[in-house]
């Protein structure tokens, strides 16, 4: 090893010799250093963790993973949207509705059918359907003393799809009538068959 050192430049020889020499540490200096380290407060790991969590980061995804993530977010939106009415408010408890449909005689003459909706919390109720062009102004209901709403209309014999509109925004189906297929706008209606002939 000394042969290797002798072949080196004298400056490099001095550096190598100094690097191999043991370092003598003053015991008093060592004690002061340990006391200074002990007096420092411990690092706050929670603060660093929160700062690390809040630090903005970039995320690079392959195109297929990006499409899958977007489809998942759209699916969440669709599932959430099913639980919200068209007006953006959360669904209200559906009041009890009863459509009174007495036995109709065999004829092609119009027959008066009385509809009843029990909704004491409502301030306005209307009946809409294929018989009035889904116009919530054409068939308003009358409030009764017991909190129910009634309306009587003349219907031609046949199948009619209808719904109640409460307070001008909430479409309420009649639980006493059969449900019709979805109307294509995400809303359920019900069916009444008036004046069926034999």
C-alpha atoms as a PDB file:
ATOM      1  CA  UNK A   1       0.000   0.000   0.000  1.00  0.00           C
ATOM      2  CA  UNK A   2       2.882   2.352   0.753  1.00  0.00           C
ATOM      3  CA  UNK A   3       4.213   1.552  -2.731  1.00  0.00           C
ATOM      4  CA  UNK A   4       0.979   2.839  -4.175  1.00  0.00           C
ATOM      5  CA  UNK A   5       1.274   6.069  -2.148  1.00  0.00           C
ATOM      6  CA  UNK A   6       4.866   6.650  -3.180  1.00  0.00           C
ATOM      7  CA  UNK A   7       3.895   6.547  -6.828  1.00  0.00           C
ATOM      8  CA  UNK A   8       1.288   9.304  -6.321  1.00  0.00           C
ATOM      9  CA  UNK A   9       1.717  13.027  -6.401  1.00  0.00           C
ATOM     10  CA  UNK A  10       2.905  14.445  -3.024  1.00  0.00           C
ATOM     11  CA  UNK A  11      -0.346  16.455  -2.583  1.00  0.00           C
ATOM     12  CA  UNK A  12      -2.437  13.320  -3.076  1.00  0.00           C
ATOM     13  CA  UNK A  13      -0.130  11.446  -0.674  1.00  0.00           C
ATOM     14  CA  UNK A  14      -0.743  14.084   2.015  1.00  0.00           C
ATOM     15  CA  UNK A  15      -4.559  13.909   1.500  1.00  0.00           C
ATOM     16  CA  UNK A  16      -4.555  10.107   1.714  1.00  0.00           C
ATOM     17  CA  UNK A  17      -2.451  10.176   4.878  1.00  0.00           C
ATOM     18  CA  UNK A  18      -4.723  12.746   6.534  1.00  0.00           C
ATOM     19  CA  UNK A  19      -7.816  10.773   5.571  1.00  0.00           C
ATOM     20  CA  UNK A  20      -6.468   7.666   7.288  1.00  0.00           C
ATOM     21  CA  UNK A  21      -5.503   9.447  10.481  1.00  0.00           C
ATOM     22  CA  UNK A  22      -7.988   8.905  13.344  1.00  0.00           C
ATOM     23  CA  UNK A  23      -9.964  11.990  14.351  1.00  0.00           C
ATOM     24  CA  UNK A  24      -9.620  13.081  17.955  1.00  0.00           C
ATOM     25  CA  UNK A  25     -12.783  14.640  19.367  1.00  0.00           C
ATOM     26  CA  UNK A  26     -12.650  16.855  22.435  1.00  0.00           C
ATOM     27  CA  UNK A  27     -14.962  15.216  25.052  1.00  0.00           C
ATOM     28  CA  UNK A  28     -16.281  18.642  26.184  1.00  0.00           C
ATOM     29  CA  UNK A  29     -17.156  19.592  22.578  1.00  0.00           C
ATOM     30  CA  UNK A  30     -18.881  16.239  22.105  1.00  0.00           C
ATOM     31  CA  UNK A  31     -20.955  16.795  25.281  1.00  0.00           C
ATOM     32  CA  UNK A  32     -22.005  20.307  24.133  1.00  0.00           C
ATOM     33  CA  UNK A  33     -23.079  18.935  20.777  1.00  0.00           C
ATOM     34  CA  UNK A  34     -25.236  16.209  22.384  1.00  0.00           C
ATOM     35  CA  UNK A  35     -26.848  18.742  24.750  1.00  0.00           C
ATOM     36  CA  UNK A  36     -27.656  21.064  21.821  1.00  0.00           C
ATOM     37  CA  UNK A  37     -29.285  18.197  19.927  1.00  0.00           C
ATOM     38  CA  UNK A  38     -31.307  17.154  22.999  1.00  0.00           C
ATOM     39  CA  UNK A  39     -32.574  20.717  23.573  1.00  0.00           C
ATOM     40  CA  UNK A  40     -34.048  20.946  20.041  1.00  0.00           C
ATOM     41  CA  UNK A  41     -37.803  20.245  19.911  1.00  0.00           C
ATOM     42  CA  UNK A  42     -38.854  17.021  18.229  1.00  0.00           C
ATOM     43  CA  UNK A  43     -40.096  17.533  14.665  1.00  0.00           C
ATOM     44  CA  UNK A  44     -43.888  17.735  14.266  1.00  0.00           C
ATOM     45  CA  UNK A  45     -44.610  14.755  12.072  1.00  0.00           C
ATOM     46  CA  UNK A  46     -48.330  15.555  11.840  1.00  0.00           C
ATOM     47  CA  UNK A  47     -47.663  19.013  10.437  1.00  0.00           C
ATOM     48  CA  UNK A  48     -45.349  17.573   7.822  1.00  0.00           C
ATOM     49  CA  UNK A  49     -47.876  14.861   6.976  1.00  0.00           C
ATOM     50  CA  UNK A  50     -50.679  17.389   6.512  1.00  0.00           C
ATOM     51  CA  UNK A  51     -48.424  19.617   4.422  1.00  0.00           C
ATOM     52  CA  UNK A  52     -47.470  16.597   2.320  1.00  0.00           C
ATOM     53  CA  UNK A  53     -51.133  15.643   1.834  1.00  0.00           C
ATOM     54  CA  UNK A  54     -52.090  19.181   0.820  1.00  0.00           C
ATOM     55  CA  UNK A  55     -49.185  19.578  -1.586  1.00  0.00           C
ATOM     56  CA  UNK A  56     -50.421  19.689  -5.220  1.00  0.00           C
ATOM     57  CA  UNK A  57     -49.271  16.816  -7.396  1.00  0.00           C
ATOM     58  CA  UNK A  58     -49.492  16.025 -11.057  1.00  0.00           C
ATOM     59  CA  UNK A  59     -51.082  12.799 -12.212  1.00  0.00           C
ATOM     60  CA  UNK A  60     -50.348  11.300 -15.609  1.00  0.00           C
ATOM     61  CA  UNK A  61     -52.621   8.498 -16.771  1.00  0.00           C
ATOM     62  CA  UNK A  62     -52.591   6.523 -19.987  1.00  0.00           C
ATOM     63  CA  UNK A  63     -55.502   7.342 -22.348  1.00  0.00           C
ATOM     64  CA  UNK A  64     -57.392   4.129 -21.571  1.00  0.00           C
ATOM     65  CA  UNK A  65     -57.184   4.727 -17.823  1.00  0.00           C
ATOM     66  CA  UNK A  66     -58.343   8.326 -18.351  1.00  0.00           C
ATOM     67  CA  UNK A  67     -61.401   7.107 -20.284  1.00  0.00           C
ATOM     68  CA  UNK A  68     -62.181   4.531 -17.578  1.00  0.00           C
ATOM     69  CA  UNK A  69     -61.901   7.191 -14.856  1.00  0.00           C
ATOM     70  CA  UNK A  70     -64.160   9.574 -16.803  1.00  0.00           C
ATOM     71  CA  UNK A  71     -66.738   6.805 -17.351  1.00  0.00           C
ATOM     72  CA  UNK A  72     -66.715   6.023 -13.624  1.00  0.00           C
ATOM     73  CA  UNK A  73     -67.311   9.675 -12.735  1.00  0.00           C
ATOM     74  CA  UNK A  74     -70.173   9.877 -15.245  1.00  0.00           C
ATOM     75  CA  UNK A  75     -71.661   6.727 -13.711  1.00  0.00           C
ATOM     76  CA  UNK A  76     -71.533   8.292 -10.260  1.00  0.00           C
ATOM     77  CA  UNK A  77     -73.268  11.373 -11.651  1.00  0.00           C
ATOM     78  CA  UNK A  78     -76.011   9.283 -13.248  1.00  0.00           C
ATOM     79  CA  UNK A  79     -76.649   7.321 -10.056  1.00  0.00           C
ATOM     80  CA  UNK A  80     -76.754  10.560  -8.063  1.00  0.00           C
ATOM     81  CA  UNK A  81     -79.037  12.198 -10.614  1.00  0.00           C
ATOM     82  CA  UNK A  82     -81.591   9.420 -10.331  1.00  0.00           C
ATOM     83  CA  UNK A  83     -82.289  10.515  -6.750  1.00  0.00           C
ATOM     84  CA  UNK A  84     -82.911  14.165  -7.683  1.00  0.00           C
ATOM     85  CA  UNK A  85     -86.032  15.642  -9.282  1.00  0.00           C
ATOM     86  CA  UNK A  86     -85.874  17.658 -12.479  1.00  0.00           C
ATOM     87  CA  UNK A  87     -85.888  20.937 -10.541  1.00  0.00           C
ATOM     88  CA  UNK A  88     -82.686  19.971  -8.683  1.00  0.00           C
ATOM     89  CA  UNK A  89     -84.269  19.516  -5.267  1.00  0.00           C
ATOM     90  CA  UNK A  90     -84.105  16.280  -3.329  1.00  0.00           C
ATOM     91  CA  UNK A  91     -87.186  14.082  -3.582  1.00  0.00           C
ATOM     92  CA  UNK A  92     -89.984  14.788  -1.104  1.00  0.00           C
ATOM     93  CA  UNK A  93     -91.997  12.122   0.610  1.00  0.00           C
ATOM     94  CA  UNK A  94     -94.603  11.002  -1.883  1.00  0.00           C
ATOM     95  CA  UNK A  95     -98.125  11.741  -0.702  1.00  0.00           C
ATOM     96  CA  UNK A  96    -100.807   9.122  -0.934  1.00  0.00           C
ATOM     97  CA  UNK A  97    -102.875   9.452  -4.106  1.00  0.00           C
ATOM     98  CA  UNK A  98    -106.108   7.669  -4.900  1.00  0.00           C
ATOM     99  CA  UNK A  99    -107.868   7.652  -8.271  1.00  0.00           C
ATOM    100  CA  UNK A 100    -111.505   6.743  -7.977  1.00  0.00           C
ATOM    101  CA  UNK A 101    -112.572   4.890 -11.124  1.00  0.00           C
ATOM    102  CA  UNK A 102    -116.115   3.550 -10.792  1.00  0.00           C
ATOM    103  CA  UNK A 103    -117.316   0.743 -13.040  1.00  0.00           C
ATOM    104  CA  UNK A 104    -117.864   2.300 -16.428  1.00  0.00           C
ATOM    105  CA  UNK A 105    -120.752   1.248 -18.665  1.00  0.00           C
ATOM    106  CA  UNK A 106    -120.046  -0.178 -22.100  1.00  0.00           C
ATOM    107  CA  UNK A 107    -120.301   2.903 -24.309  1.00  0.00           C
ATOM    108  CA  UNK A 108    -118.153   5.320 -26.264  1.00  0.00           C
ATOM    109  CA  UNK A 109    -119.517   8.323 -24.411  1.00  0.00           C
ATOM    110  CA  UNK A 110    -117.146  10.285 -22.146  1.00  0.00           C
ATOM    111  CA  UNK A 111    -117.332   9.421 -18.498  1.00  0.00           C
ATOM    112  CA  UNK A 112    -116.530  11.697 -15.545  1.00  0.00           C
ATOM    113  CA  UNK A 113    -113.685  10.330 -13.431  1.00  0.00           C
ATOM    114  CA  UNK A 114    -112.840  11.786 -10.029  1.00  0.00           C
ATOM    115  CA  UNK A 115    -109.190  11.938  -8.960  1.00  0.00           C
ATOM    116  CA  UNK A 116    -108.152  12.410  -5.337  1.00  0.00           C
ATOM    117  CA  UNK A 117    -104.684  13.257  -4.040  1.00  0.00           C
ATOM    118  CA  UNK A 118    -104.012  13.339  -0.297  1.00  0.00           C
ATOM    119  CA  UNK A 119    -101.340  16.020   0.119  1.00  0.00           C
ATOM    120  CA  UNK A 120    -102.098  18.333   3.054  1.00  0.00           C
ATOM    121  CA  UNK A 121     -98.674  20.017   2.819  1.00  0.00           C
ATOM    122  CA  UNK A 122     -99.217  21.104  -0.810  1.00  0.00           C
ATOM    123  CA  UNK A 123    -100.186  24.653  -1.726  1.00  0.00           C
ATOM    124  CA  UNK A 124    -101.254  23.818  -5.295  1.00  0.00           C
ATOM    125  CA  UNK A 125    -102.056  20.558  -7.121  1.00  0.00           C
ATOM    126  CA  UNK A 126    -102.892  19.925 -10.765  1.00  0.00           C
ATOM    127  CA  UNK A 127    -103.637  16.853 -12.859  1.00  0.00           C
ATOM    128  CA  UNK A 128    -101.641  16.446 -16.081  1.00  0.00           C
ATOM    129  CA  UNK A 129    -101.816  13.774 -18.722  1.00  0.00           C
ATOM    130  CA  UNK A 130    -102.221  12.903 -22.355  1.00  0.00           C
ATOM    131  CA  UNK A 131    -105.844  14.102 -22.115  1.00  0.00           C
ATOM    132  CA  UNK A 132    -104.861  17.767 -21.426  1.00  0.00           C
ATOM    133  CA  UNK A 133    -101.523  18.033 -23.234  1.00  0.00           C
ATOM    134  CA  UNK A 134     -99.594  17.781 -19.943  1.00  0.00           C
ATOM    135  CA  UNK A 135    -100.619  21.356 -19.143  1.00  0.00           C
ATOM    136  CA  UNK A 136    -100.526  21.908 -15.384  1.00  0.00           C
ATOM    137  CA  UNK A 137    -102.749  25.004 -15.724  1.00  0.00           C
ATOM    138  CA  UNK A 138    -105.698  23.293 -17.442  1.00  0.00           C
ATOM    139  CA  UNK A 139    -106.821  20.891 -14.669  1.00  0.00           C
ATOM    140  CA  UNK A 140    -106.252  22.405 -11.218  1.00  0.00           C
ATOM    141  CA  UNK A 141    -107.435  20.506  -8.158  1.00  0.00           C
ATOM    142  CA  UNK A 142    -109.638  21.879  -5.392  1.00  0.00           C
ATOM    143  CA  UNK A 143    -108.418  21.698  -1.793  1.00  0.00           C
ATOM    144  CA  UNK A 144    -110.809  19.946   0.608  1.00  0.00           C
ATOM    145  CA  UNK A 145    -111.100  20.514   4.365  1.00  0.00           C
ATOM    146  CA  UNK A 146    -109.371  17.189   5.151  1.00  0.00           C
ATOM    147  CA  UNK A 147    -106.203  18.181   3.240  1.00  0.00           C
ATOM    148  CA  UNK A 148    -107.029  16.177   0.138  1.00  0.00           C
ATOM    149  CA  UNK A 149    -107.206  17.620  -3.369  1.00  0.00           C
ATOM    150  CA  UNK A 150    -109.928  16.569  -5.822  1.00  0.00           C
ATOM    151  CA  UNK A 151    -110.654  17.092  -9.491  1.00  0.00           C
ATOM    152  CA  UNK A 152    -113.240  15.548 -11.787  1.00  0.00           C
ATOM    153  CA  UNK A 153    -112.680  15.368 -15.513  1.00  0.00           C
ATOM    154  CA  UNK A 154    -114.478  13.831 -18.454  1.00  0.00           C
ATOM    155  CA  UNK A 155    -112.447  11.134 -20.198  1.00  0.00           C
ATOM    156  CA  UNK A 156    -113.103   9.353 -23.458  1.00  0.00           C
ATOM    157  CA  UNK A 157    -112.969   5.554 -23.260  1.00  0.00           C
ATOM    158  CA  UNK A 158    -109.439   4.191 -23.580  1.00  0.00           C
ATOM    159  CA  UNK A 159    -106.044   4.167 -21.939  1.00  0.00           C
ATOM    160  CA  UNK A 160    -104.813   7.462 -20.472  1.00  0.00           C
ATOM    161  CA  UNK A 161    -101.417   8.261 -18.910  1.00  0.00           C
ATOM    162  CA  UNK A 162    -101.374  10.853 -16.128  1.00  0.00           C
ATOM    163  CA  UNK A 163     -99.561  12.283 -13.136  1.00  0.00           C
ATOM    164  CA  UNK A 164    -100.138  14.857 -10.405  1.00  0.00           C
ATOM    165  CA  UNK A 165     -98.093  18.075 -10.202  1.00  0.00           C
ATOM    166  CA  UNK A 166     -97.609  19.400  -6.656  1.00  0.00           C
ATOM    167  CA  UNK A 167     -96.645  23.054  -6.170  1.00  0.00           C
ATOM    168  CA  UNK A 168     -95.903  23.428  -9.882  1.00  0.00           C
ATOM    169  CA  UNK A 169     -92.665  21.368  -9.785  1.00  0.00           C
ATOM    170  CA  UNK A 170     -93.025  17.926  -8.203  1.00  0.00           C
ATOM    171  CA  UNK A 171     -94.478  15.190 -10.408  1.00  0.00           C
ATOM    172  CA  UNK A 172     -96.205  12.638  -8.163  1.00  0.00           C
ATOM    173  CA  UNK A 173     -97.402   9.274  -9.439  1.00  0.00           C
ATOM    174  CA  UNK A 174    -100.636   7.734  -8.231  1.00  0.00           C
ATOM    175  CA  UNK A 175     -99.700   4.678  -6.108  1.00  0.00           C
ATOM    176  CA  UNK A 176    -103.182   3.202  -6.596  1.00  0.00           C
ATOM    177  CA  UNK A 177    -102.812   2.991 -10.395  1.00  0.00           C
ATOM    178  CA  UNK A 178    -100.575   0.859 -12.630  1.00  0.00           C
ATOM    179  CA  UNK A 179     -97.282   2.465 -13.617  1.00  0.00           C
ATOM    180  CA  UNK A 180     -96.773   3.246 -17.291  1.00  0.00           C
ATOM    181  CA  UNK A 181     -93.418   2.849 -19.040  1.00  0.00           C
ATOM    182  CA  UNK A 182     -90.923   5.682 -18.518  1.00  0.00           C
ATOM    183  CA  UNK A 183     -91.960   8.755 -20.496  1.00  0.00           C
ATOM    184  CA  UNK A 184     -88.488   9.210 -22.023  1.00  0.00           C
ATOM    185  CA  UNK A 185     -87.664  12.131 -19.742  1.00  0.00           C
ATOM    186  CA  UNK A 186     -86.811  10.049 -16.656  1.00  0.00           C
ATOM    187  CA  UNK A 187     -90.280  10.491 -15.132  1.00  0.00           C
ATOM    188  CA  UNK A 188     -92.809   7.800 -14.218  1.00  0.00           C
ATOM    189  CA  UNK A 189     -96.512   8.216 -14.938  1.00  0.00           C
ATOM    190  CA  UNK A 190     -99.525   6.029 -14.230  1.00  0.00           C
ATOM    191  CA  UNK A 191    -102.290   4.589 -16.397  1.00  0.00           C
ATOM    192  CA  UNK A 192    -106.062   4.720 -16.154  1.00  0.00           C
ATOM    193  CA  UNK A 193    -108.387   2.867 -18.539  1.00  0.00           C
ATOM    194  CA  UNK A 194    -111.673   4.684 -18.946  1.00  0.00           C
ATOM    195  CA  UNK A 195    -114.848   3.196 -20.467  1.00  0.00           C
ATOM    196  CA  UNK A 196    -113.564  -0.192 -21.592  1.00  0.00           C
ATOM    197  CA  UNK A 197    -116.142  -1.966 -23.743  1.00  0.00           C
ATOM    198  CA  UNK A 198    -116.732  -5.715 -23.882  1.00  0.00           C
END
